Amino acid sequence: MQEGGPFYIKPVLILMICLLLTLLAFGLGRLSATINSQEPVVIEYQYPENELTPEDLQHRISDSDGQVVGSVNSDVYHLPWCSGAQRISAENLKIFNTIGDAEKAGYQPAQNCPGLN
Protein backbone atom coordinates (compact mmCIF):
# COMPACT_ATOMS: atom_id res chain seq x y z
CA MET A 1 0.00 0.00 0.00
CA GLN A 2 2.82 2.37 0.66
CA GLU A 3 4.09 1.95 -2.88
CA GLY A 4 0.69 2.89 -4.34
CA GLY A 5 0.43 6.15 -2.39
CA PRO A 6 3.25 8.11 -4.04
CA PHE A 7 2.23 6.73 -7.45
CA TYR A 8 -1.11 8.54 -7.27
CA ILE A 9 0.31 11.73 -5.72
CA LYS A 10 2.70 12.49 -8.63
CA PRO A 11 0.02 12.59 -11.38
CA VAL A 12 -2.27 14.70 -9.19
CA LEU A 13 0.56 17.11 -8.40
CA ILE A 14 1.52 17.38 -12.07
CA LEU A 15 -2.13 17.93 -13.00
CA MET A 16 -2.49 20.70 -10.39
CA ILE A 17 0.69 22.43 -11.60
CA CYS A 18 -0.52 22.30 -15.22
CA LEU A 19 -3.90 23.69 -14.19
CA LEU A 20 -2.29 26.55 -12.25
CA LEU A 21 0.03 27.38 -15.16
CA THR A 22 -2.95 27.37 -17.55
CA LEU A 23 -4.89 29.75 -15.31
CA LEU A 24 -1.85 32.00 -14.93
CA ALA A 25 -1.33 32.16 -18.72
CA PHE A 26 -5.02 32.91 -19.26
CA GLY A 27 -4.97 35.70 -16.66
CA LEU A 28 -1.85 37.30 -18.13
CA GLY A 29 -3.39 37.19 -21.60
CA ARG A 30 -6.52 38.94 -20.37
CA LEU A 31 -4.45 41.54 -18.54
CA SER A 32 -2.36 42.38 -21.60
CA ALA A 33 -5.49 42.71 -23.75
CA THR A 34 -7.01 45.32 -21.40
CA ILE A 35 -3.80 47.33 -21.15
CA ASN A 36 -3.40 47.66 -24.94
CA SER A 37 -7.03 48.57 -25.58
CA GLN A 38 -7.15 51.69 -23.39
CA GLU A 39 -7.59 55.03 -25.14
CA PRO A 40 -4.99 57.74 -24.44
CA VAL A 41 -6.04 60.57 -22.15
CA VAL A 42 -6.56 63.88 -23.97
CA ILE A 43 -6.93 67.11 -22.01
CA GLU A 44 -8.63 69.97 -23.82
CA TYR A 45 -9.20 73.48 -22.52
CA GLN A 46 -12.37 75.30 -23.50
CA TYR A 47 -11.78 79.04 -23.68
CA PRO A 48 -14.67 81.22 -22.48
CA GLU A 49 -16.23 83.47 -25.13
CA ASN A 50 -14.66 86.63 -23.74
CA GLU A 51 -11.16 85.16 -23.40
CA LEU A 52 -8.61 85.21 -26.19
CA THR A 53 -6.88 82.00 -27.14
CA PRO A 54 -3.09 82.25 -27.46
CA GLU A 55 -3.52 82.05 -31.26
CA ASP A 56 -6.08 84.89 -31.25
CA LEU A 57 -3.84 87.04 -29.08
CA GLN A 58 -0.82 86.43 -31.29
CA HIS A 59 -2.93 87.23 -34.38
CA ARG A 60 -4.23 90.52 -32.93
CA ILE A 61 -0.78 91.59 -31.83
CA SER A 62 0.87 90.71 -35.14
CA ASP A 63 -1.88 92.60 -37.01
CA SER A 64 -1.16 95.80 -35.06
CA ASP A 65 2.67 95.40 -34.94
CA GLY A 66 2.44 95.88 -31.14
CA GLN A 67 5.32 94.91 -28.94
CA VAL A 68 3.66 94.95 -25.52
CA VAL A 69 0.10 94.54 -24.28
CA GLY A 70 -1.77 95.67 -21.21
CA SER A 71 -5.22 95.58 -19.75
CA VAL A 72 -7.44 98.62 -19.31
CA ASN A 73 -8.12 97.33 -15.77
CA SER A 74 -4.49 97.30 -14.59
CA ASP A 75 -1.33 99.38 -14.80
CA VAL A 76 1.13 96.70 -15.98
CA TYR A 77 2.22 95.69 -19.44
CA HIS A 78 3.34 92.28 -20.70
CA LEU A 79 5.19 90.81 -23.62
CA PRO A 80 2.69 89.08 -25.94
CA TRP A 81 3.83 85.55 -25.03
CA CYS A 82 3.67 86.03 -21.25
CA SER A 83 0.99 84.13 -19.35
CA GLY A 84 -0.43 87.39 -18.02
CA ALA A 85 -0.95 88.69 -21.55
CA GLN A 86 -2.80 85.54 -22.55
CA ARG A 87 -5.26 85.96 -19.65
CA ILE A 88 -6.40 89.43 -20.78
CA SER A 89 -9.90 89.31 -22.23
CA ALA A 90 -10.51 90.67 -25.73
CA GLU A 91 -12.50 93.70 -24.60
CA ASN A 92 -9.82 94.73 -22.06
CA LEU A 93 -6.79 94.26 -24.33
CA LYS A 94 -4.70 97.38 -24.96
CA ILE A 95 -1.85 97.15 -27.46
CA PHE A 96 1.21 99.45 -27.33
CA ASN A 97 3.67 99.84 -30.19
CA THR A 98 6.65 100.27 -27.87
CA ILE A 99 7.56 99.86 -24.22
CA GLY A 100 8.01 103.64 -24.11
CA ASP A 101 4.40 104.15 -25.22
CA ALA A 102 3.21 101.86 -22.44
CA GLU A 103 5.29 103.67 -19.83
CA LYS A 104 4.08 107.09 -21.06
CA ALA A 105 0.53 105.85 -20.55
CA GLY A 106 1.40 105.06 -16.91
CA TYR A 107 1.99 101.31 -17.26
CA GLN A 108 4.79 99.42 -15.49
CA PRO A 109 6.48 96.15 -16.53
CA ALA A 110 4.90 92.97 -15.17
CA GLN A 111 7.02 91.32 -12.49
CA ASN A 112 6.18 87.77 -13.62
CA CYS A 113 6.97 88.31 -17.30
CA PRO A 114 10.47 87.04 -18.23
CA GLY A 115 12.34 89.55 -20.37
CA LEU A 116 10.86 92.67 -18.78
CA ASN A 117 12.83 92.56 -15.51
C-alpha atoms as a PDB file:
ATOM      1  CA  MET A   1       0.000   0.000   0.000  1.00  0.00           C
ATOM      2  CA  GLN A   2       2.821   2.373   0.656  1.00  0.00           C
ATOM      3  CA  GLU A   3       4.095   1.950  -2.878  1.00  0.00           C
ATOM      4  CA  GLY A   4       0.692   2.887  -4.344  1.00  0.00           C
ATOM      5  CA  GLY A   5       0.425   6.150  -2.394  1.00  0.00           C
ATOM      6  CA  PRO A   6       3.248   8.108  -4.043  1.00  0.00           C
ATOM      7  CA  PHE A   7       2.234   6.728  -7.452  1.00  0.00           C
ATOM      8  CA  TYR A   8      -1.109   8.540  -7.272  1.00  0.00           C
ATOM      9  CA  ILE A   9       0.309  11.727  -5.723  1.00  0.00           C
ATOM     10  CA  LYS A  10       2.703  12.487  -8.629  1.00  0.00           C
ATOM     11  CA  PRO A  11       0.019  12.592 -11.384  1.00  0.00           C
ATOM     12  CA  VAL A  12      -2.275  14.698  -9.186  1.00  0.00           C
ATOM     13  CA  LEU A  13       0.565  17.108  -8.396  1.00  0.00           C
ATOM     14  CA  ILE A  14       1.519  17.382 -12.070  1.00  0.00           C
ATOM     15  CA  LEU A  15      -2.133  17.932 -12.998  1.00  0.00           C
ATOM     16  CA  MET A  16      -2.486  20.701 -10.394  1.00  0.00           C
ATOM     17  CA  ILE A  17       0.693  22.435 -11.604  1.00  0.00           C
ATOM     18  CA  CYS A  18      -0.524  22.304 -15.218  1.00  0.00           C
ATOM     19  CA  LEU A  19      -3.898  23.689 -14.188  1.00  0.00           C
ATOM     20  CA  LEU A  20      -2.294  26.553 -12.255  1.00  0.00           C
ATOM     21  CA  LEU A  21       0.029  27.375 -15.163  1.00  0.00           C
ATOM     22  CA  THR A  22      -2.945  27.366 -17.545  1.00  0.00           C
ATOM     23  CA  LEU A  23      -4.892  29.748 -15.311  1.00  0.00           C
ATOM     24  CA  LEU A  24      -1.847  31.999 -14.929  1.00  0.00           C
ATOM     25  CA  ALA A  25      -1.326  32.161 -18.716  1.00  0.00           C
ATOM     26  CA  PHE A  26      -5.020  32.913 -19.263  1.00  0.00           C
ATOM     27  CA  GLY A  27      -4.970  35.695 -16.665  1.00  0.00           C
ATOM     28  CA  LEU A  28      -1.849  37.299 -18.133  1.00  0.00           C
ATOM     29  CA  GLY A  29      -3.391  37.186 -21.603  1.00  0.00           C
ATOM     30  CA  ARG A  30      -6.523  38.941 -20.369  1.00  0.00           C
ATOM     31  CA  LEU A  31      -4.451  41.540 -18.536  1.00  0.00           C
ATOM     32  CA  SER A  32      -2.359  42.382 -21.599  1.00  0.00           C
ATOM     33  CA  ALA A  33      -5.494  42.714 -23.746  1.00  0.00           C
ATOM     34  CA  THR A  34      -7.011  45.318 -21.404  1.00  0.00           C
ATOM     35  CA  ILE A  35      -3.796  47.334 -21.155  1.00  0.00           C
ATOM     36  CA  ASN A  36      -3.397  47.661 -24.941  1.00  0.00           C
ATOM     37  CA  SER A  37      -7.035  48.570 -25.580  1.00  0.00           C
ATOM     38  CA  GLN A  38      -7.147  51.688 -23.386  1.00  0.00           C
ATOM     39  CA  GLU A  39      -7.590  55.031 -25.139  1.00  0.00           C
ATOM     40  CA  PRO A  40      -4.990  57.739 -24.437  1.00  0.00           C
ATOM     41  CA  VAL A  41      -6.040  60.570 -22.148  1.00  0.00           C
ATOM     42  CA  VAL A  42      -6.562  63.876 -23.968  1.00  0.00           C
ATOM     43  CA  ILE A  43      -6.930  67.107 -22.006  1.00  0.00           C
ATOM     44  CA  GLU A  44      -8.634  69.969 -23.816  1.00  0.00           C
ATOM     45  CA  TYR A  45      -9.202  73.479 -22.516  1.00  0.00           C
ATOM     46  CA  GLN A  46     -12.372  75.297 -23.500  1.00  0.00           C
ATOM     47  CA  TYR A  47     -11.782  79.041 -23.675  1.00  0.00           C
ATOM     48  CA  PRO A  48     -14.674  81.224 -22.482  1.00  0.00           C
ATOM     49  CA  GLU A  49     -16.232  83.468 -25.133  1.00  0.00           C
ATOM     50  CA  ASN A  50     -14.664  86.632 -23.739  1.00  0.00           C
ATOM     51  CA  GLU A  51     -11.155  85.158 -23.403  1.00  0.00           C
ATOM     52  CA  LEU A  52      -8.612  85.209 -26.191  1.00  0.00           C
ATOM     53  CA  THR A  53      -6.885  82.000 -27.137  1.00  0.00           C
ATOM     54  CA  PRO A  54      -3.087  82.249 -27.462  1.00  0.00           C
ATOM     55  CA  GLU A  55      -3.516  82.046 -31.256  1.00  0.00           C
ATOM     56  CA  ASP A  56      -6.078  84.893 -31.255  1.00  0.00           C
ATOM     57  CA  LEU A  57      -3.843  87.040 -29.080  1.00  0.00           C
ATOM     58  CA  GLN A  58      -0.823  86.429 -31.288  1.00  0.00           C
ATOM     59  CA  HIS A  59      -2.930  87.229 -34.377  1.00  0.00           C
ATOM     60  CA  ARG A  60      -4.232  90.518 -32.934  1.00  0.00           C
ATOM     61  CA  ILE A  61      -0.777  91.586 -31.828  1.00  0.00           C
ATOM     62  CA  SER A  62       0.870  90.713 -35.138  1.00  0.00           C
ATOM     63  CA  ASP A  63      -1.879  92.605 -37.006  1.00  0.00           C
ATOM     64  CA  SER A  64      -1.157  95.800 -35.064  1.00  0.00           C
ATOM     65  CA  ASP A  65       2.665  95.399 -34.937  1.00  0.00           C
ATOM     66  CA  GLY A  66       2.437  95.882 -31.143  1.00  0.00           C
ATOM     67  CA  GLN A  67       5.324  94.909 -28.943  1.00  0.00           C
ATOM     68  CA  VAL A  68       3.656  94.953 -25.523  1.00  0.00           C
ATOM     69  CA  VAL A  69       0.096  94.545 -24.284  1.00  0.00           C
ATOM     70  CA  GLY A  70      -1.772  95.671 -21.213  1.00  0.00           C
ATOM     71  CA  SER A  71      -5.222  95.579 -19.748  1.00  0.00           C
ATOM     72  CA  VAL A  72      -7.436  98.616 -19.313  1.00  0.00           C
ATOM     73  CA  ASN A  73      -8.121  97.326 -15.770  1.00  0.00           C
ATOM     74  CA  SER A  74      -4.494  97.305 -14.589  1.00  0.00           C
ATOM     75  CA  ASP A  75      -1.326  99.381 -14.801  1.00  0.00           C
ATOM     76  CA  VAL A  76       1.133  96.702 -15.976  1.00  0.00           C
ATOM     77  CA  TYR A  77       2.220  95.690 -19.444  1.00  0.00           C
ATOM     78  CA  HIS A  78       3.336  92.276 -20.701  1.00  0.00           C
ATOM     79  CA  LEU A  79       5.186  90.808 -23.622  1.00  0.00           C
ATOM     80  CA  PRO A  80       2.692  89.082 -25.942  1.00  0.00           C
ATOM     81  CA  TRP A  81       3.831  85.553 -25.033  1.00  0.00           C
ATOM     82  CA  CYS A  82       3.668  86.029 -21.246  1.00  0.00           C
ATOM     83  CA  SER A  83       0.989  84.134 -19.352  1.00  0.00           C
ATOM     84  CA  GLY A  84      -0.433  87.391 -18.016  1.00  0.00           C
ATOM     85  CA  ALA A  85      -0.954  88.688 -21.548  1.00  0.00           C
ATOM     86  CA  GLN A  86      -2.802  85.535 -22.545  1.00  0.00           C
ATOM     87  CA  ARG A  87      -5.259  85.961 -19.653  1.00  0.00           C
ATOM     88  CA  ILE A  88      -6.404  89.430 -20.778  1.00  0.00           C
ATOM     89  CA  SER A  89      -9.899  89.311 -22.234  1.00  0.00           C
ATOM     90  CA  ALA A  90     -10.507  90.668 -25.732  1.00  0.00           C
ATOM     91  CA  GLU A  91     -12.499  93.704 -24.604  1.00  0.00           C
ATOM     92  CA  ASN A  92      -9.818  94.728 -22.057  1.00  0.00           C
ATOM     93  CA  LEU A  93      -6.786  94.262 -24.328  1.00  0.00           C
ATOM     94  CA  LYS A  94      -4.702  97.381 -24.960  1.00  0.00           C
ATOM     95  CA  ILE A  95      -1.848  97.147 -27.459  1.00  0.00           C
ATOM     96  CA  PHE A  96       1.210  99.455 -27.326  1.00  0.00           C
ATOM     97  CA  ASN A  97       3.667  99.842 -30.190  1.00  0.00           C
ATOM     98  CA  THR A  98       6.653 100.273 -27.870  1.00  0.00           C
ATOM     99  CA  ILE A  99       7.561  99.861 -24.222  1.00  0.00           C
ATOM    100  CA  GLY A 100       8.010 103.641 -24.108  1.00  0.00           C
ATOM    101  CA  ASP A 101       4.396 104.154 -25.223  1.00  0.00           C
ATOM    102  CA  ALA A 102       3.206 101.863 -22.443  1.00  0.00           C
ATOM    103  CA  GLU A 103       5.293 103.674 -19.826  1.00  0.00           C
ATOM    104  CA  LYS A 104       4.081 107.094 -21.062  1.00  0.00           C
ATOM    105  CA  ALA A 105       0.526 105.847 -20.547  1.00  0.00           C
ATOM    106  CA  GLY A 106       1.395 105.055 -16.905  1.00  0.00           C
ATOM    107  CA  TYR A 107       1.986 101.305 -17.259  1.00  0.00           C
ATOM    108  CA  GLN A 108       4.791  99.425 -15.487  1.00  0.00           C
ATOM    109  CA  PRO A 109       6.484  96.146 -16.532  1.00  0.00           C
ATOM    110  CA  ALA A 110       4.901  92.974 -15.168  1.00  0.00           C
ATOM    111  CA  GLN A 111       7.023  91.317 -12.493  1.00  0.00           C
ATOM    112  CA  ASN A 112       6.183  87.771 -13.621  1.00  0.00           C
ATOM    113  CA  CYS A 113       6.971  88.307 -17.299  1.00  0.00           C
ATOM    114  CA  PRO A 114      10.470  87.045 -18.231  1.00  0.00           C
ATOM    115  CA  GLY A 115      12.338  89.547 -20.368  1.00  0.00           C
ATOM    116  CA  LEU A 116      10.855  92.670 -18.777  1.00  0.00           C
ATOM    117  CA  ASN A 117      12.833  92.555 -15.513  1.00  0.00           C
END
